[in-house]
Amino acid sequence: MRPETADGGGEGVTDAFDPWLALQRVTDPTRANIVADLVGHPKGAPSVDELAYTNPSLETDTIRNHLKVLAEAGVVEELTVPAGERTRGYPYKFYRVTDAARDLFDRNGLFPADAWRRQYERVEKTAEIRELEAMPRPEA
């Protein structure tokens, strides 16, 4: 178990990956759907706009809040396009599953990449979403 920090967690979180906490966070059905979309995305790192398209019942702020919870648990990391390389009108933040979380999922048979990619491919997408999918992603 992870020790609590004096401030109740949040910014005082250590860099140590806690598998138990990660599994607790991904058992929430909405967060599990988001993780499945991350895994299934053709580049493995969708933007919030892409996640909003595949999760139409969720507001973008709700998606961002779930991504924050997953990031605090070490499940997700944010990839950001540097300021001088951004294109106006396009997302500059993308999200992917961390290596530690991917290893945990693989060891436990969770979120198999091939299965979720096949599922993601079946989603009918607009031209705008296809354009977003084709965008290059920053490196971790």
N, C-alpha and C. Protein backbone atom coordinates (compact mmCIF):
# COMPACT_ATOMS: atom_id res chain seq x y z
N MET A 1 0.84 -1.18 0.00
CA MET A 1 0.00 0.00 0.00
C MET A 1 0.88 1.24 0.00
N ARG A 2 0.38 2.29 -0.58
CA ARG A 2 1.12 3.54 -0.66
C ARG A 2 0.84 4.39 0.57
N PRO A 3 1.89 4.92 1.21
CA PRO A 3 1.66 5.77 2.38
C PRO A 3 1.01 7.08 1.96
N GLU A 4 0.13 7.57 2.80
CA GLU A 4 -0.51 8.86 2.54
C GLU A 4 0.49 9.97 2.78
N THR A 5 0.38 11.02 2.00
CA THR A 5 1.23 12.18 2.21
C THR A 5 0.50 13.14 3.14
N ALA A 6 1.25 14.07 3.71
CA ALA A 6 0.67 15.00 4.66
C ALA A 6 -0.45 15.83 4.04
N ASP A 7 -0.33 16.11 2.74
CA ASP A 7 -1.36 16.93 2.10
C ASP A 7 -2.50 16.09 1.53
N GLY A 8 -2.54 14.79 1.84
CA GLY A 8 -3.64 13.94 1.40
C GLY A 8 -3.45 13.35 0.03
N GLY A 9 -2.26 13.42 -0.51
CA GLY A 9 -1.99 12.86 -1.84
C GLY A 9 -1.65 13.97 -2.80
N GLY A 10 -2.22 13.92 -3.99
CA GLY A 10 -2.04 15.00 -4.96
C GLY A 10 -0.59 15.27 -5.30
N GLU A 11 -0.16 16.52 -5.04
CA GLU A 11 1.18 16.95 -5.45
C GLU A 11 2.29 16.27 -4.67
N GLY A 12 2.02 15.71 -3.53
CA GLY A 12 3.03 15.05 -2.73
C GLY A 12 3.28 13.61 -3.14
N VAL A 13 2.65 13.18 -4.23
CA VAL A 13 2.76 11.79 -4.67
C VAL A 13 4.20 11.50 -5.11
N THR A 14 4.71 10.36 -4.72
CA THR A 14 6.05 9.98 -5.12
C THR A 14 6.03 9.40 -6.52
N ASP A 15 7.21 9.21 -7.09
CA ASP A 15 7.31 8.66 -8.43
C ASP A 15 7.16 7.14 -8.45
N ALA A 16 7.12 6.51 -7.29
CA ALA A 16 7.00 5.05 -7.24
C ALA A 16 5.62 4.63 -7.75
N PHE A 17 5.62 3.68 -8.66
CA PHE A 17 4.37 3.17 -9.22
C PHE A 17 3.76 2.18 -8.24
N ASP A 18 2.52 2.40 -7.89
CA ASP A 18 1.81 1.53 -6.95
C ASP A 18 0.79 0.72 -7.74
N PRO A 19 1.09 -0.56 -8.01
CA PRO A 19 0.17 -1.38 -8.80
C PRO A 19 -1.23 -1.46 -8.20
N TRP A 20 -1.32 -1.54 -6.89
CA TRP A 20 -2.62 -1.65 -6.23
C TRP A 20 -3.46 -0.40 -6.50
N LEU A 21 -2.86 0.77 -6.35
CA LEU A 21 -3.56 2.03 -6.61
C LEU A 21 -3.97 2.11 -8.09
N ALA A 22 -3.07 1.72 -8.97
CA ALA A 22 -3.37 1.75 -10.41
C ALA A 22 -4.58 0.88 -10.72
N LEU A 23 -4.59 -0.32 -10.17
CA LEU A 23 -5.73 -1.22 -10.42
C LEU A 23 -7.02 -0.67 -9.83
N GLN A 24 -6.93 -0.04 -8.66
CA GLN A 24 -8.12 0.57 -8.06
C GLN A 24 -8.69 1.66 -8.98
N ARG A 25 -7.80 2.45 -9.55
CA ARG A 25 -8.25 3.57 -10.39
C ARG A 25 -8.85 3.11 -11.72
N VAL A 26 -8.35 2.04 -12.28
CA VAL A 26 -8.87 1.60 -13.58
C VAL A 26 -10.10 0.72 -13.46
N THR A 27 -10.52 0.38 -12.24
CA THR A 27 -11.74 -0.42 -12.09
C THR A 27 -13.00 0.42 -12.20
N ASP A 28 -12.89 1.74 -12.13
CA ASP A 28 -14.03 2.60 -12.38
C ASP A 28 -14.42 2.43 -13.85
N PRO A 29 -15.69 2.15 -14.15
CA PRO A 29 -16.08 1.87 -15.54
C PRO A 29 -15.74 2.98 -16.53
N THR A 30 -15.92 4.22 -16.14
CA THR A 30 -15.61 5.33 -17.05
C THR A 30 -14.11 5.40 -17.32
N ARG A 31 -13.31 5.27 -16.26
CA ARG A 31 -11.85 5.30 -16.46
C ARG A 31 -11.38 4.08 -17.25
N ALA A 32 -12.02 2.93 -17.04
CA ALA A 32 -11.66 1.73 -17.81
C ALA A 32 -11.94 1.98 -19.30
N ASN A 33 -13.05 2.63 -19.62
CA ASN A 33 -13.34 2.95 -21.02
C ASN A 33 -12.31 3.90 -21.60
N ILE A 34 -11.88 4.87 -20.82
CA ILE A 34 -10.86 5.82 -21.28
C ILE A 34 -9.55 5.09 -21.53
N VAL A 35 -9.15 4.23 -20.61
CA VAL A 35 -7.91 3.46 -20.78
C VAL A 35 -8.02 2.57 -22.03
N ALA A 36 -9.16 1.95 -22.22
CA ALA A 36 -9.35 1.12 -23.41
C ALA A 36 -9.20 1.95 -24.68
N ASP A 37 -9.70 3.18 -24.67
CA ASP A 37 -9.55 4.05 -25.84
C ASP A 37 -8.09 4.47 -26.04
N LEU A 38 -7.37 4.68 -24.96
CA LEU A 38 -5.94 5.00 -25.08
C LEU A 38 -5.20 3.84 -25.73
N VAL A 39 -5.49 2.65 -25.24
CA VAL A 39 -4.83 1.44 -25.73
C VAL A 39 -5.22 1.17 -27.18
N GLY A 40 -6.48 1.40 -27.52
CA GLY A 40 -6.97 1.10 -28.85
C GLY A 40 -6.62 2.12 -29.91
N HIS A 41 -6.29 3.32 -29.50
CA HIS A 41 -5.99 4.40 -30.45
C HIS A 41 -4.84 3.98 -31.37
N PRO A 42 -4.94 4.27 -32.67
CA PRO A 42 -3.89 3.83 -33.61
C PRO A 42 -2.49 4.31 -33.25
N LYS A 43 -2.38 5.47 -32.59
CA LYS A 43 -1.06 5.97 -32.19
C LYS A 43 -0.85 5.83 -30.69
N GLY A 44 -1.83 5.26 -30.00
CA GLY A 44 -1.68 5.01 -28.57
C GLY A 44 -1.69 6.25 -27.71
N ALA A 45 -2.08 7.39 -28.29
CA ALA A 45 -2.05 8.64 -27.54
C ALA A 45 -3.08 9.63 -28.10
N PRO A 46 -4.36 9.44 -27.77
CA PRO A 46 -5.38 10.36 -28.26
C PRO A 46 -5.38 11.68 -27.51
N SER A 47 -6.01 12.65 -28.12
CA SER A 47 -6.27 13.94 -27.47
C SER A 47 -7.59 13.85 -26.71
N VAL A 48 -7.89 14.85 -25.92
CA VAL A 48 -9.18 14.89 -25.22
C VAL A 48 -10.32 14.94 -26.24
N ASP A 49 -10.11 15.65 -27.36
CA ASP A 49 -11.15 15.73 -28.39
C ASP A 49 -11.48 14.34 -28.93
N GLU A 50 -10.47 13.52 -29.16
CA GLU A 50 -10.70 12.17 -29.65
C GLU A 50 -11.40 11.32 -28.59
N LEU A 51 -10.99 11.48 -27.35
CA LEU A 51 -11.64 10.74 -26.26
C LEU A 51 -13.10 11.18 -26.09
N ALA A 52 -13.37 12.46 -26.30
CA ALA A 52 -14.74 12.95 -26.21
C ALA A 52 -15.60 12.35 -27.32
N TYR A 53 -15.01 12.14 -28.48
CA TYR A 53 -15.75 11.54 -29.59
C TYR A 53 -16.12 10.08 -29.29
N THR A 54 -15.18 9.35 -28.70
CA THR A 54 -15.44 7.94 -28.42
C THR A 54 -16.21 7.74 -27.11
N ASN A 55 -16.38 8.80 -26.35
CA ASN A 55 -17.15 8.77 -25.10
C ASN A 55 -18.16 9.92 -25.11
N PRO A 56 -19.15 9.87 -26.00
CA PRO A 56 -20.04 11.01 -26.21
C PRO A 56 -20.88 11.40 -24.99
N SER A 57 -21.03 10.52 -24.03
CA SER A 57 -21.83 10.87 -22.85
C SER A 57 -21.03 11.67 -21.83
N LEU A 58 -19.73 11.87 -22.09
CA LEU A 58 -18.88 12.59 -21.13
C LEU A 58 -18.53 13.99 -21.63
N GLU A 59 -18.55 14.94 -20.72
CA GLU A 59 -18.07 16.29 -21.02
C GLU A 59 -16.54 16.27 -21.04
N THR A 60 -15.94 17.18 -21.78
CA THR A 60 -14.47 17.20 -21.86
C THR A 60 -13.84 17.44 -20.49
N ASP A 61 -14.46 18.25 -19.64
CA ASP A 61 -13.91 18.47 -18.30
C ASP A 61 -13.94 17.19 -17.48
N THR A 62 -14.97 16.39 -17.66
CA THR A 62 -15.06 15.10 -16.96
C THR A 62 -13.94 14.18 -17.43
N ILE A 63 -13.69 14.16 -18.72
CA ILE A 63 -12.59 13.34 -19.26
C ILE A 63 -11.27 13.81 -18.69
N ARG A 64 -11.05 15.12 -18.67
CA ARG A 64 -9.80 15.66 -18.11
C ARG A 64 -9.64 15.27 -16.63
N ASN A 65 -10.73 15.31 -15.88
CA ASN A 65 -10.66 14.92 -14.46
C ASN A 65 -10.30 13.45 -14.31
N HIS A 66 -10.88 12.59 -15.13
CA HIS A 66 -10.53 11.17 -15.08
C HIS A 66 -9.07 10.96 -15.49
N LEU A 67 -8.61 11.68 -16.50
CA LEU A 67 -7.21 11.57 -16.91
C LEU A 67 -6.27 12.01 -15.79
N LYS A 68 -6.68 13.04 -15.04
CA LYS A 68 -5.87 13.51 -13.92
C LYS A 68 -5.76 12.43 -12.84
N VAL A 69 -6.88 11.78 -12.53
CA VAL A 69 -6.88 10.69 -11.54
C VAL A 69 -5.96 9.57 -12.01
N LEU A 70 -6.07 9.21 -13.28
CA LEU A 70 -5.22 8.14 -13.84
C LEU A 70 -3.75 8.55 -13.85
N ALA A 71 -3.47 9.81 -14.12
CA ALA A 71 -2.09 10.29 -14.12
C ALA A 71 -1.51 10.27 -12.70
N GLU A 72 -2.30 10.68 -11.73
CA GLU A 72 -1.84 10.67 -10.34
C GLU A 72 -1.53 9.26 -9.86
N ALA A 73 -2.19 8.27 -10.45
CA ALA A 73 -1.94 6.87 -10.09
C ALA A 73 -0.83 6.25 -10.95
N GLY A 74 -0.27 7.03 -11.86
CA GLY A 74 0.82 6.53 -12.69
C GLY A 74 0.36 5.66 -13.85
N VAL A 75 -0.92 5.70 -14.17
CA VAL A 75 -1.47 4.88 -15.25
C VAL A 75 -1.33 5.59 -16.60
N VAL A 76 -1.46 6.90 -16.58
CA VAL A 76 -1.47 7.71 -17.80
C VAL A 76 -0.43 8.80 -17.68
N GLU A 77 0.17 9.15 -18.83
CA GLU A 77 1.05 10.31 -18.86
C GLU A 77 0.61 11.23 -19.98
N GLU A 78 0.86 12.51 -19.78
CA GLU A 78 0.51 13.52 -20.75
C GLU A 78 1.71 13.79 -21.64
N LEU A 79 1.47 13.84 -22.95
CA LEU A 79 2.48 14.21 -23.92
C LEU A 79 2.08 15.58 -24.46
N THR A 80 2.99 16.56 -24.42
CA THR A 80 2.67 17.92 -24.81
C THR A 80 3.56 18.37 -25.96
N VAL A 81 2.93 18.94 -26.99
CA VAL A 81 3.67 19.52 -28.10
C VAL A 81 4.31 20.81 -27.59
N PRO A 82 5.61 21.00 -27.79
CA PRO A 82 6.27 22.23 -27.33
C PRO A 82 5.62 23.48 -27.93
N ALA A 83 5.63 24.57 -27.18
CA ALA A 83 4.93 25.80 -27.55
C ALA A 83 5.24 26.26 -28.98
N GLY A 84 6.48 26.24 -29.41
CA GLY A 84 6.84 26.72 -30.74
C GLY A 84 6.44 25.80 -31.87
N GLU A 85 5.97 24.58 -31.54
CA GLU A 85 5.63 23.60 -32.57
C GLU A 85 4.13 23.35 -32.67
N ARG A 86 3.33 24.09 -31.93
CA ARG A 86 1.87 23.87 -31.92
C ARG A 86 1.22 24.49 -33.15
N THR A 87 0.13 23.87 -33.58
CA THR A 87 -0.66 24.37 -34.69
C THR A 87 -1.97 24.91 -34.14
N ARG A 88 -2.24 26.16 -34.45
CA ARG A 88 -3.46 26.81 -33.94
C ARG A 88 -4.69 26.00 -34.35
N GLY A 89 -5.59 25.80 -33.39
CA GLY A 89 -6.83 25.10 -33.66
C GLY A 89 -6.74 23.59 -33.51
N TYR A 90 -5.55 23.07 -33.20
CA TYR A 90 -5.37 21.63 -33.04
C TYR A 90 -4.91 21.33 -31.62
N PRO A 91 -5.21 20.14 -31.13
CA PRO A 91 -4.78 19.79 -29.77
C PRO A 91 -3.26 19.76 -29.65
N TYR A 92 -2.79 20.08 -28.47
CA TYR A 92 -1.34 20.00 -28.22
C TYR A 92 -1.03 19.09 -27.03
N LYS A 93 -2.08 18.52 -26.43
CA LYS A 93 -1.89 17.56 -25.34
C LYS A 93 -2.49 16.23 -25.76
N PHE A 94 -1.73 15.17 -25.50
CA PHE A 94 -2.16 13.82 -25.83
C PHE A 94 -1.86 12.95 -24.62
N TYR A 95 -2.53 11.83 -24.51
CA TYR A 95 -2.42 10.99 -23.32
C TYR A 95 -2.14 9.55 -23.72
N ARG A 96 -1.23 8.92 -22.99
CA ARG A 96 -0.92 7.52 -23.27
C ARG A 96 -0.75 6.77 -21.96
N VAL A 97 -0.87 5.45 -22.04
CA VAL A 97 -0.66 4.57 -20.90
C VAL A 97 0.84 4.53 -20.61
N THR A 98 1.21 4.64 -19.35
CA THR A 98 2.62 4.59 -18.99
C THR A 98 3.18 3.18 -19.19
N ASP A 99 4.49 3.09 -19.29
CA ASP A 99 5.13 1.79 -19.44
C ASP A 99 4.86 0.90 -18.22
N ALA A 100 4.88 1.50 -17.03
CA ALA A 100 4.63 0.71 -15.80
C ALA A 100 3.21 0.15 -15.81
N ALA A 101 2.24 0.96 -16.22
CA ALA A 101 0.86 0.48 -16.27
C ALA A 101 0.69 -0.58 -17.36
N ARG A 102 1.33 -0.37 -18.51
CA ARG A 102 1.22 -1.36 -19.60
C ARG A 102 1.79 -2.70 -19.14
N ASP A 103 2.91 -2.66 -18.43
CA ASP A 103 3.50 -3.89 -17.90
C ASP A 103 2.55 -4.57 -16.92
N LEU A 104 1.95 -3.78 -16.03
CA LEU A 104 0.98 -4.32 -15.06
C LEU A 104 -0.21 -4.94 -15.79
N PHE A 105 -0.73 -4.25 -16.79
CA PHE A 105 -1.87 -4.76 -17.54
C PHE A 105 -1.51 -6.06 -18.26
N ASP A 106 -0.33 -6.09 -18.86
CA ASP A 106 0.10 -7.30 -19.59
C ASP A 106 0.24 -8.49 -18.64
N ARG A 107 0.82 -8.25 -17.46
CA ARG A 107 0.99 -9.34 -16.48
C ARG A 107 -0.34 -9.89 -15.99
N ASN A 108 -1.38 -9.06 -16.05
CA ASN A 108 -2.68 -9.46 -15.51
C ASN A 108 -3.76 -9.65 -16.58
N GLY A 109 -3.35 -9.66 -17.83
CA GLY A 109 -4.30 -9.88 -18.92
C GLY A 109 -5.35 -8.79 -19.07
N LEU A 110 -4.99 -7.55 -18.74
CA LEU A 110 -5.92 -6.43 -18.82
C LEU A 110 -5.63 -5.55 -20.03
N PHE A 111 -6.66 -5.03 -20.64
CA PHE A 111 -6.54 -4.11 -21.77
C PHE A 111 -5.60 -4.62 -22.86
N PRO A 112 -5.88 -5.82 -23.41
CA PRO A 112 -5.01 -6.35 -24.46
C PRO A 112 -5.04 -5.43 -25.69
N ALA A 113 -3.88 -4.98 -26.10
CA ALA A 113 -3.76 -3.97 -27.16
C ALA A 113 -4.42 -4.42 -28.46
N ASP A 114 -4.17 -5.62 -28.90
CA ASP A 114 -4.74 -6.07 -30.18
C ASP A 114 -6.25 -6.03 -30.17
N ALA A 115 -6.85 -6.50 -29.11
CA ALA A 115 -8.31 -6.53 -29.01
C ALA A 115 -8.89 -5.12 -29.02
N TRP A 116 -8.28 -4.21 -28.26
CA TRP A 116 -8.82 -2.85 -28.19
C TRP A 116 -8.56 -2.08 -29.48
N ARG A 117 -7.46 -2.38 -30.18
CA ARG A 117 -7.23 -1.73 -31.48
C ARG A 117 -8.29 -2.17 -32.49
N ARG A 118 -8.61 -3.46 -32.49
CA ARG A 118 -9.67 -3.94 -33.38
C ARG A 118 -11.00 -3.26 -33.05
N GLN A 119 -11.31 -3.14 -31.79
CA GLN A 119 -12.54 -2.48 -31.37
C GLN A 119 -12.55 -1.02 -31.80
N TYR A 120 -11.45 -0.33 -31.59
CA TYR A 120 -11.34 1.09 -31.93
C TYR A 120 -11.51 1.30 -33.44
N GLU A 121 -10.95 0.38 -34.23
CA GLU A 121 -11.06 0.48 -35.69
C GLU A 121 -12.50 0.40 -36.15
N ARG A 122 -13.35 -0.27 -35.40
CA ARG A 122 -14.76 -0.44 -35.77
C ARG A 122 -15.60 0.81 -35.57
N VAL A 123 -15.08 1.75 -34.79
CA VAL A 123 -15.83 2.98 -34.52
C VAL A 123 -15.86 3.83 -35.80
N GLU A 124 -17.07 4.22 -36.20
CA GLU A 124 -17.19 5.10 -37.36
C GLU A 124 -16.75 6.49 -36.95
N LYS A 125 -15.85 7.07 -37.72
CA LYS A 125 -15.26 8.36 -37.35
C LYS A 125 -15.54 9.42 -38.41
N THR A 126 -15.65 10.64 -37.95
CA THR A 126 -15.82 11.77 -38.86
C THR A 126 -14.49 12.11 -39.50
N ALA A 127 -14.53 12.93 -40.53
CA ALA A 127 -13.30 13.38 -41.19
C ALA A 127 -12.41 14.14 -40.19
N GLU A 128 -13.04 14.92 -39.33
CA GLU A 128 -12.27 15.68 -38.33
C GLU A 128 -11.53 14.75 -37.38
N ILE A 129 -12.18 13.71 -36.92
CA ILE A 129 -11.54 12.76 -36.00
C ILE A 129 -10.43 12.01 -36.73
N ARG A 130 -10.65 11.62 -37.97
CA ARG A 130 -9.60 10.95 -38.74
C ARG A 130 -8.38 11.86 -38.91
N GLU A 131 -8.63 13.15 -39.10
CA GLU A 131 -7.54 14.12 -39.22
C GLU A 131 -6.77 14.22 -37.90
N LEU A 132 -7.50 14.25 -36.78
CA LEU A 132 -6.84 14.29 -35.48
C LEU A 132 -6.03 13.03 -35.25
N GLU A 133 -6.57 11.88 -35.63
CA GLU A 133 -5.83 10.61 -35.47
C GLU A 133 -4.52 10.62 -36.23
N ALA A 134 -4.51 11.28 -37.38
CA ALA A 134 -3.32 11.28 -38.24
C ALA A 134 -2.22 12.24 -37.75
N MET A 135 -2.55 13.12 -36.83
CA MET A 135 -1.56 14.08 -36.33
C MET A 135 -0.39 13.36 -35.67
N PRO A 136 0.82 13.90 -35.86
CA PRO A 136 1.95 13.33 -35.12
C PRO A 136 1.81 13.58 -33.63
N ARG A 137 2.35 12.68 -32.85
CA ARG A 137 2.32 12.80 -31.39
C ARG A 137 3.73 13.11 -30.88
N PRO A 138 3.81 13.92 -29.81
CA PRO A 138 5.13 14.17 -29.23
C PRO A 138 5.68 12.91 -28.56
N GLU A 139 6.97 12.84 -28.43
CA GLU A 139 7.61 11.72 -27.75
C GLU A 139 7.49 11.91 -26.24
N ALA A 140 7.53 10.79 -25.54
CA ALA A 140 7.44 10.84 -24.07
C ALA A 140 8.69 11.41 -23.47
